[in-house]
N, C-alpha and C. Protein backbone atom coordinates (compact mmCIF):
# COMPACT_ATOMS: atom_id res chain seq x y z
N MET A 1 0.77 -17.06 -7.88
CA MET A 1 1.23 -15.71 -7.18
C MET A 1 2.61 -15.24 -7.78
N VAL A 2 2.68 -14.18 -8.05
CA VAL A 2 3.89 -13.66 -8.56
C VAL A 2 4.43 -13.11 -7.39
N LYS A 3 5.52 -13.48 -6.61
CA LYS A 3 5.78 -12.77 -5.47
C LYS A 3 7.23 -11.68 -5.64
N HIS A 4 7.78 -12.10 -6.80
CA HIS A 4 9.01 -11.31 -7.34
C HIS A 4 8.64 -9.79 -7.70
N SER A 5 7.67 -9.84 -8.01
CA SER A 5 7.20 -8.54 -8.80
C SER A 5 6.94 -7.21 -7.96
N PHE A 6 6.89 -7.69 -6.52
CA PHE A 6 6.77 -6.58 -5.61
C PHE A 6 8.10 -6.23 -5.05
N ILE A 7 9.21 -7.03 -4.95
CA ILE A 7 10.25 -6.84 -4.40
C ILE A 7 11.09 -5.47 -4.83
N PRO A 8 11.04 -5.27 -6.00
CA PRO A 8 11.93 -4.04 -6.34
C PRO A 8 11.57 -2.73 -5.64
N ILE A 9 10.15 -2.58 -5.56
CA ILE A 9 9.55 -1.41 -5.05
C ILE A 9 10.05 -1.40 -3.36
N ILE A 10 9.96 -2.57 -2.69
CA ILE A 10 10.30 -2.70 -1.27
C ILE A 10 12.04 -2.26 -1.21
N SER A 11 12.83 -2.88 -2.22
CA SER A 11 14.15 -2.71 -1.93
C SER A 11 14.61 -1.28 -2.22
N GLU A 12 13.82 -0.61 -3.37
CA GLU A 12 14.02 0.67 -3.60
C GLU A 12 13.63 1.73 -2.24
N GLU A 13 12.73 1.33 -1.81
CA GLU A 13 12.13 2.20 -0.63
C GLU A 13 13.07 1.94 0.39
N LYS A 14 13.46 0.90 0.67
CA LYS A 14 14.39 0.47 2.12
C LYS A 14 15.59 1.15 1.69
N LYS A 15 16.08 1.32 0.54
CA LYS A 15 17.52 2.20 0.36
C LYS A 15 17.17 3.48 0.89
N LYS A 16 16.21 4.35 0.37
CA LYS A 16 15.86 5.63 0.64
C LYS A 16 15.45 5.58 2.31
N GLU A 17 14.35 4.78 2.64
CA GLU A 17 13.85 4.96 4.05
C GLU A 17 14.36 3.90 4.77
N GLU A 18 15.39 4.08 5.53
CA GLU A 18 15.92 3.11 6.42
C GLU A 18 14.82 2.95 7.72
N ASN A 19 13.89 3.76 8.02
CA ASN A 19 13.28 3.85 9.24
C ASN A 19 11.73 3.08 8.84
N PRO A 20 11.57 1.95 9.22
CA PRO A 20 10.40 1.02 8.89
C PRO A 20 9.16 1.78 9.41
N ARG A 21 9.36 2.56 10.76
CA ARG A 21 8.02 3.21 11.10
C ARG A 21 7.65 4.42 10.37
N SER A 22 8.29 4.93 9.22
CA SER A 22 7.95 6.02 8.34
C SER A 22 6.45 5.66 7.81
N VAL A 23 5.84 6.62 7.43
CA VAL A 23 4.58 6.61 6.92
C VAL A 23 4.44 5.92 5.61
N GLU A 24 5.55 6.39 4.69
CA GLU A 24 5.68 5.94 3.44
C GLU A 24 6.15 4.74 3.31
N PHE A 25 7.00 4.10 4.30
CA PHE A 25 7.50 2.53 4.42
C PHE A 25 6.20 1.80 4.43
N GLN A 26 5.13 2.08 5.57
CA GLN A 26 4.23 1.44 5.60
C GLN A 26 3.18 1.38 4.69
N VAL A 27 3.13 2.38 3.89
CA VAL A 27 2.05 2.45 2.75
C VAL A 27 2.61 1.66 1.59
N VAL A 28 3.94 1.63 1.25
CA VAL A 28 4.69 0.64 0.53
C VAL A 28 4.17 -0.72 0.79
N ASN A 29 4.38 -1.06 1.96
CA ASN A 29 4.12 -2.50 2.49
C ASN A 29 3.07 -2.81 2.34
N PHE A 30 1.88 -1.81 2.93
CA PHE A 30 0.39 -2.16 2.68
C PHE A 30 0.02 -2.37 1.03
N THR A 31 0.62 -1.31 0.11
CA THR A 31 0.40 -1.72 -1.16
C THR A 31 0.95 -2.89 -1.73
N ASN A 32 1.95 -3.34 -1.28
CA ASN A 32 2.41 -4.73 -1.73
C ASN A 32 1.49 -5.93 -1.39
N LYS A 33 0.99 -5.83 -0.11
CA LYS A 33 0.23 -6.77 0.41
C LYS A 33 -1.17 -6.87 -0.38
N ILE A 34 -1.67 -5.56 -0.77
CA ILE A 34 -2.80 -5.63 -1.44
C ILE A 34 -2.76 -6.09 -2.80
N ARG A 35 -1.61 -5.72 -3.50
CA ARG A 35 -1.45 -6.34 -4.52
C ARG A 35 -1.47 -7.85 -4.68
N ARG A 36 -0.77 -8.53 -3.79
CA ARG A 36 -0.56 -9.91 -3.56
C ARG A 36 -2.02 -10.57 -3.10
N LEU A 37 -2.71 -9.98 -2.49
CA LEU A 37 -4.05 -10.27 -2.06
C LEU A 37 -5.15 -10.40 -3.33
N THR A 38 -4.88 -9.15 -4.01
CA THR A 38 -5.78 -9.11 -4.92
C THR A 38 -5.52 -10.41 -6.13
N SER A 39 -4.23 -10.38 -6.30
CA SER A 39 -3.89 -11.38 -7.11
C SER A 39 -4.39 -12.98 -6.70
N HIS A 40 -4.24 -13.02 -5.51
CA HIS A 40 -4.71 -14.56 -4.84
C HIS A 40 -6.29 -14.49 -5.14
N LEU A 41 -6.91 -13.42 -5.11
CA LEU A 41 -8.45 -13.43 -4.85
C LEU A 41 -8.91 -13.47 -6.18
N GLU A 42 -8.21 -13.18 -7.54
CA GLU A 42 -8.58 -13.42 -8.71
C GLU A 42 -8.44 -14.97 -8.85
N LEU A 43 -7.95 -15.77 -8.52
CA LEU A 43 -7.81 -17.30 -8.46
C LEU A 43 -9.02 -17.90 -7.25
N HIS A 44 -8.91 -17.36 -6.40
CA HIS A 44 -9.84 -17.95 -5.42
C HIS A 44 -11.04 -16.87 -4.67
N ARG A 45 -11.86 -16.88 -5.59
CA ARG A 45 -13.05 -15.93 -5.41
C ARG A 45 -13.94 -16.19 -4.27
N LYS A 46 -13.84 -17.16 -3.74
CA LYS A 46 -14.75 -17.53 -2.44
C LYS A 46 -13.97 -17.37 -1.27
N ASP A 47 -12.83 -16.87 -1.29
CA ASP A 47 -11.77 -16.83 -0.04
C ASP A 47 -12.13 -15.60 0.82
N TYR A 48 -13.52 -15.78 1.46
CA TYR A 48 -13.83 -14.87 2.31
C TYR A 48 -12.93 -14.24 3.46
N LEU A 49 -12.10 -15.06 3.94
CA LEU A 49 -11.14 -14.55 4.98
C LEU A 49 -10.06 -13.74 4.48
N SER A 50 -9.66 -14.16 3.43
CA SER A 50 -8.67 -13.27 2.53
C SER A 50 -9.46 -11.91 2.09
N GLN A 51 -10.71 -11.78 1.70
CA GLN A 51 -11.30 -10.54 1.26
C GLN A 51 -11.40 -9.78 2.70
N ARG A 52 -11.71 -10.22 3.66
CA ARG A 52 -11.69 -9.52 5.04
C ARG A 52 -10.19 -8.82 5.28
N GLY A 53 -9.16 -9.78 5.15
CA GLY A 53 -8.18 -9.36 5.27
C GLY A 53 -7.85 -8.08 4.34
N LEU A 54 -8.26 -8.07 3.07
CA LEU A 54 -7.95 -7.34 1.92
C LEU A 54 -8.76 -5.95 2.67
N ARG A 55 -9.62 -6.13 2.87
CA ARG A 55 -10.33 -4.65 3.37
C ARG A 55 -9.97 -4.06 4.60
N LYS A 56 -9.37 -4.79 5.66
CA LYS A 56 -8.96 -4.12 6.66
C LYS A 56 -7.30 -3.73 6.25
N ILE A 57 -6.83 -4.07 5.26
CA ILE A 57 -5.53 -3.59 5.08
C ILE A 57 -5.86 -2.21 4.19
N LEU A 58 -6.78 -2.24 3.28
CA LEU A 58 -7.15 -1.10 2.55
C LEU A 58 -7.48 0.19 3.54
N GLY A 59 -8.26 -0.11 4.63
CA GLY A 59 -8.61 0.80 5.56
C GLY A 59 -7.43 1.39 6.41
N LYS A 60 -6.60 0.33 6.60
CA LYS A 60 -5.24 1.00 7.46
C LYS A 60 -4.20 1.83 6.45
N ARG A 61 -4.34 1.44 5.07
CA ARG A 61 -3.49 2.20 3.81
C ARG A 61 -4.27 3.69 3.82
N GLN A 62 -5.61 3.49 3.88
CA GLN A 62 -6.20 4.91 3.43
C GLN A 62 -6.25 5.79 4.77
N ARG A 63 -6.29 5.16 5.86
CA ARG A 63 -5.90 6.12 7.22
C ARG A 63 -4.48 6.84 7.03
N LEU A 64 -3.56 5.81 6.89
CA LEU A 64 -2.26 6.44 6.68
C LEU A 64 -2.15 7.44 5.65
N LEU A 65 -2.72 7.21 4.62
CA LEU A 65 -2.51 8.43 3.46
C LEU A 65 -3.35 9.56 3.68
N SER A 66 -4.44 9.33 4.43
CA SER A 66 -5.23 10.73 5.04
C SER A 66 -4.36 11.33 5.95
N TYR A 67 -3.87 10.64 6.95
CA TYR A 67 -3.02 11.26 7.84
C TYR A 67 -1.68 12.11 7.20
N LEU A 68 -1.18 11.29 6.14
CA LEU A 68 0.03 11.92 5.28
C LEU A 68 -0.47 13.29 4.48
N SER A 69 -1.57 13.31 3.96
CA SER A 69 -1.92 14.15 3.19
C SER A 69 -2.33 15.53 4.19
N LYS A 70 -2.80 15.25 5.37
CA LYS A 70 -2.89 16.50 6.16
C LYS A 70 -1.65 17.01 6.68
N LYS A 71 -0.84 16.13 7.02
CA LYS A 71 0.75 16.58 7.49
C LYS A 71 1.56 17.24 6.60
N ASN A 72 1.49 16.36 5.33
CA ASN A 72 2.70 17.01 4.29
C ASN A 72 2.25 16.47 3.16
N GLY A 73 1.27 17.39 2.32
CA GLY A 73 0.76 17.23 1.04
C GLY A 73 1.78 17.08 -0.23
N ILE A 74 3.02 17.66 0.06
CA ILE A 74 3.96 17.34 -0.96
C ILE A 74 4.38 15.76 -1.00
N ARG A 75 4.51 15.43 0.29
CA ARG A 75 5.08 13.82 0.40
C ARG A 75 3.79 12.72 -0.09
N TYR A 76 2.78 13.45 0.08
CA TYR A 76 1.36 12.61 -0.08
C TYR A 76 1.59 12.32 -1.85
N LYS A 77 1.62 13.45 -2.44
CA LYS A 77 1.60 13.43 -3.91
C LYS A 77 2.74 12.59 -4.44
N LYS A 78 3.86 12.91 -3.96
CA LYS A 78 4.72 12.18 -4.53
C LYS A 78 4.66 10.58 -4.18
N LEU A 79 4.30 10.12 -3.01
CA LEU A 79 3.98 8.68 -2.99
C LEU A 79 2.69 8.06 -3.57
N ILE A 80 1.67 8.82 -3.83
CA ILE A 80 0.80 8.37 -4.86
C ILE A 80 1.12 8.32 -6.20
N LYS A 81 1.97 9.17 -6.70
CA LYS A 81 2.42 9.26 -7.93
C LYS A 81 3.40 7.89 -8.04
N GLN A 82 4.28 7.78 -7.17
CA GLN A 82 5.35 6.67 -7.17
C GLN A 82 4.60 5.14 -7.19
N LEU A 83 3.34 5.16 -6.35
CA LEU A 83 2.90 3.85 -6.35
C LEU A 83 1.87 3.45 -7.38
N GLY A 84 1.39 4.71 -8.01
CA GLY A 84 0.26 4.56 -9.16
C GLY A 84 -0.98 4.10 -8.38
N ILE A 85 -1.36 4.85 -7.37
CA ILE A 85 -2.57 4.42 -6.79
C ILE A 85 -3.29 5.91 -6.87
N ARG A 86 -4.76 5.87 -6.77
CA ARG A 86 -5.55 7.07 -7.06
C ARG A 86 -5.60 7.77 -5.78
N GLU A 87 -5.74 9.06 -6.04
CA GLU A 87 -5.96 10.08 -4.95
C GLU A 87 -7.26 9.81 -4.29
N SER A 88 -7.42 9.84 -2.77
CA SER A 88 -8.52 9.38 -2.05
C SER A 88 -9.43 10.88 -2.35
N GLN A 89 -10.76 10.36 -2.41
CA GLN A 89 -12.10 11.39 -2.66
C GLN A 89 -12.24 11.83 -1.04
N ILE A 90 -11.97 11.03 -0.23
CA ILE A 90 -12.43 11.76 1.30
C ILE A 90 -11.11 11.74 2.04
N ARG A 91 -11.00 13.17 2.53
CA ARG A 91 -9.76 13.56 3.30
C ARG A 91 -10.24 13.63 4.86
C-alpha cells in the first residue's frame, strides 16, 4: 500500500478547512480511505470484511455528497472536480 500518496490532499485541505466537522473535510477523508481500501483489495481479493467496510464508507460518502449538492451546488461541483470523482446519478 502506498500511504504517502494520499497525504498531500489531506494537508492541503487541512490548511483551507480547519474544521474537521465540515462536509468537505469528511468527504476528503472518506475518499482517501476508499482509495486506500481499493488498493488493498487489488492485492487481497477475498478479504470480504474489507469489502464490507468499503461499501459502508462509499454509502457514507454518497450521503454526504447528496446533502452537499442539495445545500450548496457550487461547493459540491468544486469538491467533485478537486477529488476527481464522478457526479452522482441519484440525488
